[in-house]
Amino acid sequence: MLIVKSKVQEFAKKHDLMVASDFYDALDREVENLIKAAAKRTGANKRKTLKPYDL
């Protein structure tokens, strides 16, 4: 798991929201997809360092 559930819960609580139990897995998949896409761009540019603009 790439995300920290307690941090998501903390954010939600600050914004007067609740978090469904299946939200964490969905969010984790989205984050993983973002990182994979950034890694692909990084490789295409012949780099090994992920940079903000790869997102």
PDB file of N, CA and C in Angstrom:
ATOM      1  N   MET A   1       0.848  -1.174   0.000  1.00  0.00           N
ATOM      2  CA  MET A   1       0.000   0.000   0.000  1.00  0.00           C
ATOM      3  C   MET A   1       0.895   1.240   0.000  1.00  0.00           C
ATOM      4  N   LEU A   2       0.609   2.153  -0.901  1.00  0.00           N
ATOM      5  CA  LEU A   2       1.402   3.365  -1.052  1.00  0.00           C
ATOM      6  C   LEU A   2       0.892   4.532  -0.224  1.00  0.00           C
ATOM      7  N   ILE A   3      -0.380   4.510   0.071  1.00  0.00           N
ATOM      8  CA  ILE A   3      -0.957   5.622   0.823  1.00  0.00           C
ATOM      9  C   ILE A   3      -0.963   5.296   2.315  1.00  0.00           C
ATOM     10  N   VAL A   4      -1.102   6.324   3.113  1.00  0.00           N
ATOM     11  CA  VAL A   4      -1.186   6.159   4.571  1.00  0.00           C
ATOM     12  C   VAL A   4      -2.635   6.441   4.970  1.00  0.00           C
ATOM     13  N   LYS A   5      -3.325   5.384   5.378  1.00  0.00           N
ATOM     14  CA  LYS A   5      -4.756   5.508   5.699  1.00  0.00           C
ATOM     15  C   LYS A   5      -5.027   6.573   6.755  1.00  0.00           C
ATOM     16  N   SER A   6      -4.185   6.636   7.762  1.00  0.00           N
ATOM     17  CA  SER A   6      -4.434   7.593   8.843  1.00  0.00           C
ATOM     18  C   SER A   6      -4.357   9.033   8.333  1.00  0.00           C
ATOM     19  N   LYS A   7      -3.499   9.287   7.358  1.00  0.00           N
ATOM     20  CA  LYS A   7      -3.388  10.637   6.793  1.00  0.00           C
ATOM     21  C   LYS A   7      -4.619  10.977   5.958  1.00  0.00           C
ATOM     22  N   VAL A   8      -5.153   9.981   5.257  1.00  0.00           N
ATOM     23  CA  VAL A   8      -6.381  10.190   4.477  1.00  0.00           C
ATOM     24  C   VAL A   8      -7.531  10.471   5.441  1.00  0.00           C
ATOM     25  N   GLN A   9      -7.611   9.700   6.520  1.00  0.00           N
ATOM     26  CA  GLN A   9      -8.655   9.899   7.522  1.00  0.00           C
ATOM     27  C   GLN A   9      -8.536  11.278   8.167  1.00  0.00           C
ATOM     28  N   GLU A  10      -7.321  11.687   8.443  1.00  0.00           N
ATOM     29  CA  GLU A  10      -7.070  12.993   9.046  1.00  0.00           C
ATOM     30  C   GLU A  10      -7.556  14.116   8.116  1.00  0.00           C
ATOM     31  N   PHE A  11      -7.229  13.996   6.830  1.00  0.00           N
ATOM     32  CA  PHE A  11      -7.671  14.972   5.834  1.00  0.00           C
ATOM     33  C   PHE A  11      -9.196  15.011   5.764  1.00  0.00           C
ATOM     34  N   ALA A  12      -9.798  13.841   5.715  1.00  0.00           N
ATOM     35  CA  ALA A  12     -11.252  13.752   5.625  1.00  0.00           C
ATOM     36  C   ALA A  12     -11.916  14.396   6.842  1.00  0.00           C
ATOM     37  N   LYS A  13     -11.386  14.091   8.007  1.00  0.00           N
ATOM     38  CA  LYS A  13     -11.959  14.633   9.245  1.00  0.00           C
ATOM     39  C   LYS A  13     -11.879  16.157   9.256  1.00  0.00           C
ATOM     40  N   LYS A  14     -10.732  16.705   8.805  1.00  0.00           N
ATOM     41  CA  LYS A  14     -10.562  18.161   8.740  1.00  0.00           C
ATOM     42  C   LYS A  14     -11.605  18.813   7.841  1.00  0.00           C
ATOM     43  N   HIS A  15     -12.037  18.082   6.840  1.00  0.00           N
ATOM     44  CA  HIS A  15     -12.991  18.620   5.868  1.00  0.00           C
ATOM     45  C   HIS A  15     -14.408  18.094   6.100  1.00  0.00           C
ATOM     46  N   ASP A  16     -14.629  17.582   7.313  1.00  0.00           N
ATOM     47  CA  ASP A  16     -15.938  17.085   7.728  1.00  0.00           C
ATOM     48  C   ASP A  16     -16.480  16.026   6.768  1.00  0.00           C
ATOM     49  N   LEU A  17     -15.606  15.083   6.399  1.00  0.00           N
ATOM     50  CA  LEU A  17     -15.964  13.994   5.493  1.00  0.00           C
ATOM     51  C   LEU A  17     -15.756  12.656   6.168  1.00  0.00           C
ATOM     52  N   MET A  18     -16.371  11.640   5.591  1.00  0.00           N
ATOM     53  CA  MET A  18     -16.154  10.263   6.024  1.00  0.00           C
ATOM     54  C   MET A  18     -15.508   9.527   4.861  1.00  0.00           C
ATOM     55  N   VAL A  19     -14.836   8.409   5.162  1.00  0.00           N
ATOM     56  CA  VAL A  19     -14.142   7.644   4.132  1.00  0.00           C
ATOM     57  C   VAL A  19     -14.697   6.222   4.101  1.00  0.00           C
ATOM     58  N   ALA A  20     -15.172   5.799   2.927  1.00  0.00           N
ATOM     59  CA  ALA A  20     -15.650   4.426   2.763  1.00  0.00           C
ATOM     60  C   ALA A  20     -14.442   3.488   2.786  1.00  0.00           C
ATOM     61  N   SER A  21     -14.623   2.310   3.293  1.00  0.00           N
ATOM     62  CA  SER A  21     -13.504   1.379   3.433  1.00  0.00           C
ATOM     63  C   SER A  21     -12.866   1.005   2.092  1.00  0.00           C
ATOM     64  N   ASP A  22     -13.651   0.974   1.021  1.00  0.00           N
ATOM     65  CA  ASP A  22     -13.080   0.610  -0.279  1.00  0.00           C
ATOM     66  C   ASP A  22     -12.405   1.794  -0.982  1.00  0.00           C
ATOM     67  N   PHE A  23     -12.513   2.994  -0.419  1.00  0.00           N
ATOM     68  CA  PHE A  23     -11.875   4.174  -1.000  1.00  0.00           C
ATOM     69  C   PHE A  23     -10.359   4.049  -0.986  1.00  0.00           C
ATOM     70  N   TYR A  24      -9.811   3.479   0.086  1.00  0.00           N
ATOM     71  CA  TYR A  24      -8.356   3.382   0.222  1.00  0.00           C
ATOM     72  C   TYR A  24      -7.725   2.571  -0.909  1.00  0.00           C
ATOM     73  N   ASP A  25      -8.323   1.437  -1.233  1.00  0.00           N
ATOM     74  CA  ASP A  25      -7.787   0.611  -2.322  1.00  0.00           C
ATOM     75  C   ASP A  25      -7.879   1.344  -3.659  1.00  0.00           C
ATOM     76  N   ALA A  26      -8.986   2.025  -3.890  1.00  0.00           N
ATOM     77  CA  ALA A  26      -9.157   2.774  -5.138  1.00  0.00           C
ATOM     78  C   ALA A  26      -8.140   3.908  -5.222  1.00  0.00           C
ATOM     79  N   LEU A  27      -7.933   4.612  -4.125  1.00  0.00           N
ATOM     80  CA  LEU A  27      -6.959   5.696  -4.098  1.00  0.00           C
ATOM     81  C   LEU A  27      -5.551   5.160  -4.315  1.00  0.00           C
ATOM     82  N   ASP A  28      -5.254   4.051  -3.684  1.00  0.00           N
ATOM     83  CA  ASP A  28      -3.940   3.436  -3.830  1.00  0.00           C
ATOM     84  C   ASP A  28      -3.677   3.054  -5.297  1.00  0.00           C
ATOM     85  N   ARG A  29      -4.679   2.522  -5.982  1.00  0.00           N
ATOM     86  CA  ARG A  29      -4.535   2.169  -7.403  1.00  0.00           C
ATOM     87  C   ARG A  29      -4.263   3.414  -8.244  1.00  0.00           C
ATOM     88  N   GLU A  30      -4.979   4.498  -7.937  1.00  0.00           N
ATOM     89  CA  GLU A  30      -4.787   5.748  -8.674  1.00  0.00           C
ATOM     90  C   GLU A  30      -3.366   6.278  -8.487  1.00  0.00           C
ATOM     91  N   VAL A  31      -2.882   6.241  -7.268  1.00  0.00           N
ATOM     92  CA  VAL A  31      -1.523   6.709  -6.978  1.00  0.00           C
ATOM     93  C   VAL A  31      -0.510   5.828  -7.711  1.00  0.00           C
ATOM     94  N   GLU A  32      -0.722   4.522  -7.675  1.00  0.00           N
ATOM     95  CA  GLU A  32       0.180   3.606  -8.378  1.00  0.00           C
ATOM     96  C   GLU A  32       0.184   3.897  -9.879  1.00  0.00           C
ATOM     97  N   ASN A  33      -0.978   4.142 -10.454  1.00  0.00           N
ATOM     98  CA  ASN A  33      -1.062   4.460 -11.886  1.00  0.00           C
ATOM     99  C   ASN A  33      -0.328   5.758 -12.207  1.00  0.00           C
ATOM    100  N   LEU A  34      -0.450   6.754 -11.339  1.00  0.00           N
ATOM    101  CA  LEU A  34       0.279   8.013 -11.530  1.00  0.00           C
ATOM    102  C   LEU A  34       1.790   7.784 -11.524  1.00  0.00           C
ATOM    103  N   ILE A  35       2.244   6.989 -10.576  1.00  0.00           N
ATOM    104  CA  ILE A  35       3.681   6.714 -10.470  1.00  0.00           C
ATOM    105  C   ILE A  35       4.169   5.918 -11.675  1.00  0.00           C
ATOM    106  N   LYS A  36       3.387   4.937 -12.115  1.00  0.00           N
ATOM    107  CA  LYS A  36       3.770   4.156 -13.299  1.00  0.00           C
ATOM    108  C   LYS A  36       3.871   5.035 -14.541  1.00  0.00           C
ATOM    109  N   ALA A  37       2.912   5.936 -14.712  1.00  0.00           N
ATOM    110  CA  ALA A  37       2.936   6.840 -15.867  1.00  0.00           C
ATOM    111  C   ALA A  37       4.145   7.771 -15.782  1.00  0.00           C
ATOM    112  N   ALA A  38       4.439   8.259 -14.586  1.00  0.00           N
ATOM    113  CA  ALA A  38       5.603   9.127 -14.401  1.00  0.00           C
ATOM    114  C   ALA A  38       6.891   8.358 -14.679  1.00  0.00           C
ATOM    115  N   ALA A  39       6.942   7.114 -14.253  1.00  0.00           N
ATOM    116  CA  ALA A  39       8.124   6.284 -14.490  1.00  0.00           C
ATOM    117  C   ALA A  39       8.322   6.045 -15.987  1.00  0.00           C
ATOM    118  N   LYS A  40       7.232   5.843 -16.695  1.00  0.00           N
ATOM    119  CA  LYS A  40       7.310   5.633 -18.149  1.00  0.00           C
ATOM    120  C   LYS A  40       7.879   6.882 -18.826  1.00  0.00           C
ATOM    121  N   ARG A  41       7.385   8.042 -18.422  1.00  0.00           N
ATOM    122  CA  ARG A  41       7.886   9.307 -18.989  1.00  0.00           C
ATOM    123  C   ARG A  41       9.362   9.501 -18.643  1.00  0.00           C
ATOM    124  N   THR A  42       9.719   9.173 -17.408  1.00  0.00           N
ATOM    125  CA  THR A  42      11.107   9.294 -16.976  1.00  0.00           C
ATOM    126  C   THR A  42      12.011   8.440 -17.851  1.00  0.00           C
ATOM    127  N   GLY A  43      11.610   7.192 -18.069  1.00  0.00           N
ATOM    128  CA  GLY A  43      12.386   6.287 -18.904  1.00  0.00           C
ATOM    129  C   GLY A  43      12.472   6.761 -20.345  1.00  0.00           C
ATOM    130  N   ALA A  44      11.370   7.294 -20.856  1.00  0.00           N
ATOM    131  CA  ALA A  44      11.345   7.794 -22.234  1.00  0.00           C
ATOM    132  C   ALA A  44      12.311   8.958 -22.416  1.00  0.00           C
ATOM    133  N   ASN A  45      12.566   9.684 -21.340  1.00  0.00           N
ATOM    134  CA  ASN A  45      13.501  10.811 -21.382  1.00  0.00           C
ATOM    135  C   ASN A  45      14.907  10.407 -20.941  1.00  0.00           C
ATOM    136  N   LYS A  46      15.129   9.095 -20.871  1.00  0.00           N
ATOM    137  CA  LYS A  46      16.433   8.525 -20.514  1.00  0.00           C
ATOM    138  C   LYS A  46      16.955   9.043 -19.172  1.00  0.00           C
ATOM    139  N   ARG A  47      16.047   9.111 -18.212  1.00  0.00           N
ATOM    140  CA  ARG A  47      16.396   9.503 -16.852  1.00  0.00           C
ATOM    141  C   ARG A  47      16.001   8.382 -15.905  1.00  0.00           C
ATOM    142  N   LYS A  48      16.512   8.441 -14.701  1.00  0.00           N
ATOM    143  CA  LYS A  48      16.117   7.483 -13.672  1.00  0.00           C
ATOM    144  C   LYS A  48      15.509   8.182 -12.462  1.00  0.00           C
ATOM    145  N   THR A  49      15.422   9.502 -12.538  1.00  0.00           N
ATOM    146  CA  THR A  49      14.889  10.272 -11.417  1.00  0.00           C
ATOM    147  C   THR A  49      13.494  10.772 -11.759  1.00  0.00           C
ATOM    148  N   LEU A  50      12.527  10.401 -10.935  1.00  0.00           N
ATOM    149  CA  LEU A  50      11.170  10.920 -11.095  1.00  0.00           C
ATOM    150  C   LEU A  50      11.162  12.387 -10.684  1.00  0.00           C
ATOM    151  N   LYS A  51      10.552  13.212 -11.528  1.00  0.00           N
ATOM    152  CA  LYS A  51      10.497  14.643 -11.248  1.00  0.00           C
ATOM    153  C   LYS A  51       9.040  15.090 -11.282  1.00  0.00           C
ATOM    154  N   PRO A  52       8.732  16.217 -10.634  1.00  0.00           N
ATOM    155  CA  PRO A  52       7.344  16.668 -10.573  1.00  0.00           C
ATOM    156  C   PRO A  52       6.681  16.776 -11.936  1.00  0.00           C
ATOM    157  N   TYR A  53       7.415  17.227 -12.932  1.00  0.00           N
ATOM    158  CA  TYR A  53       6.789  17.403 -14.253  1.00  0.00           C
ATOM    159  C   TYR A  53       6.514  16.092 -14.959  1.00  0.00           C
ATOM    160  N   ASP A  54       6.970  14.969 -14.414  1.00  0.00           N
ATOM    161  CA  ASP A  54       6.630  13.654 -14.968  1.00  0.00           C
ATOM    162  C   ASP A  54       5.180  13.283 -14.663  1.00  0.00           C
ATOM    163  N   LEU A  55       4.607  13.966 -13.701  1.00  0.00           N
ATOM    164  CA  LEU A  55       3.204  13.717 -13.369  1.00  0.00           C
ATOM    165  C   LEU A  55       2.311  14.368 -14.391  1.00  0.00           C
TER     166      LEU A  55
END
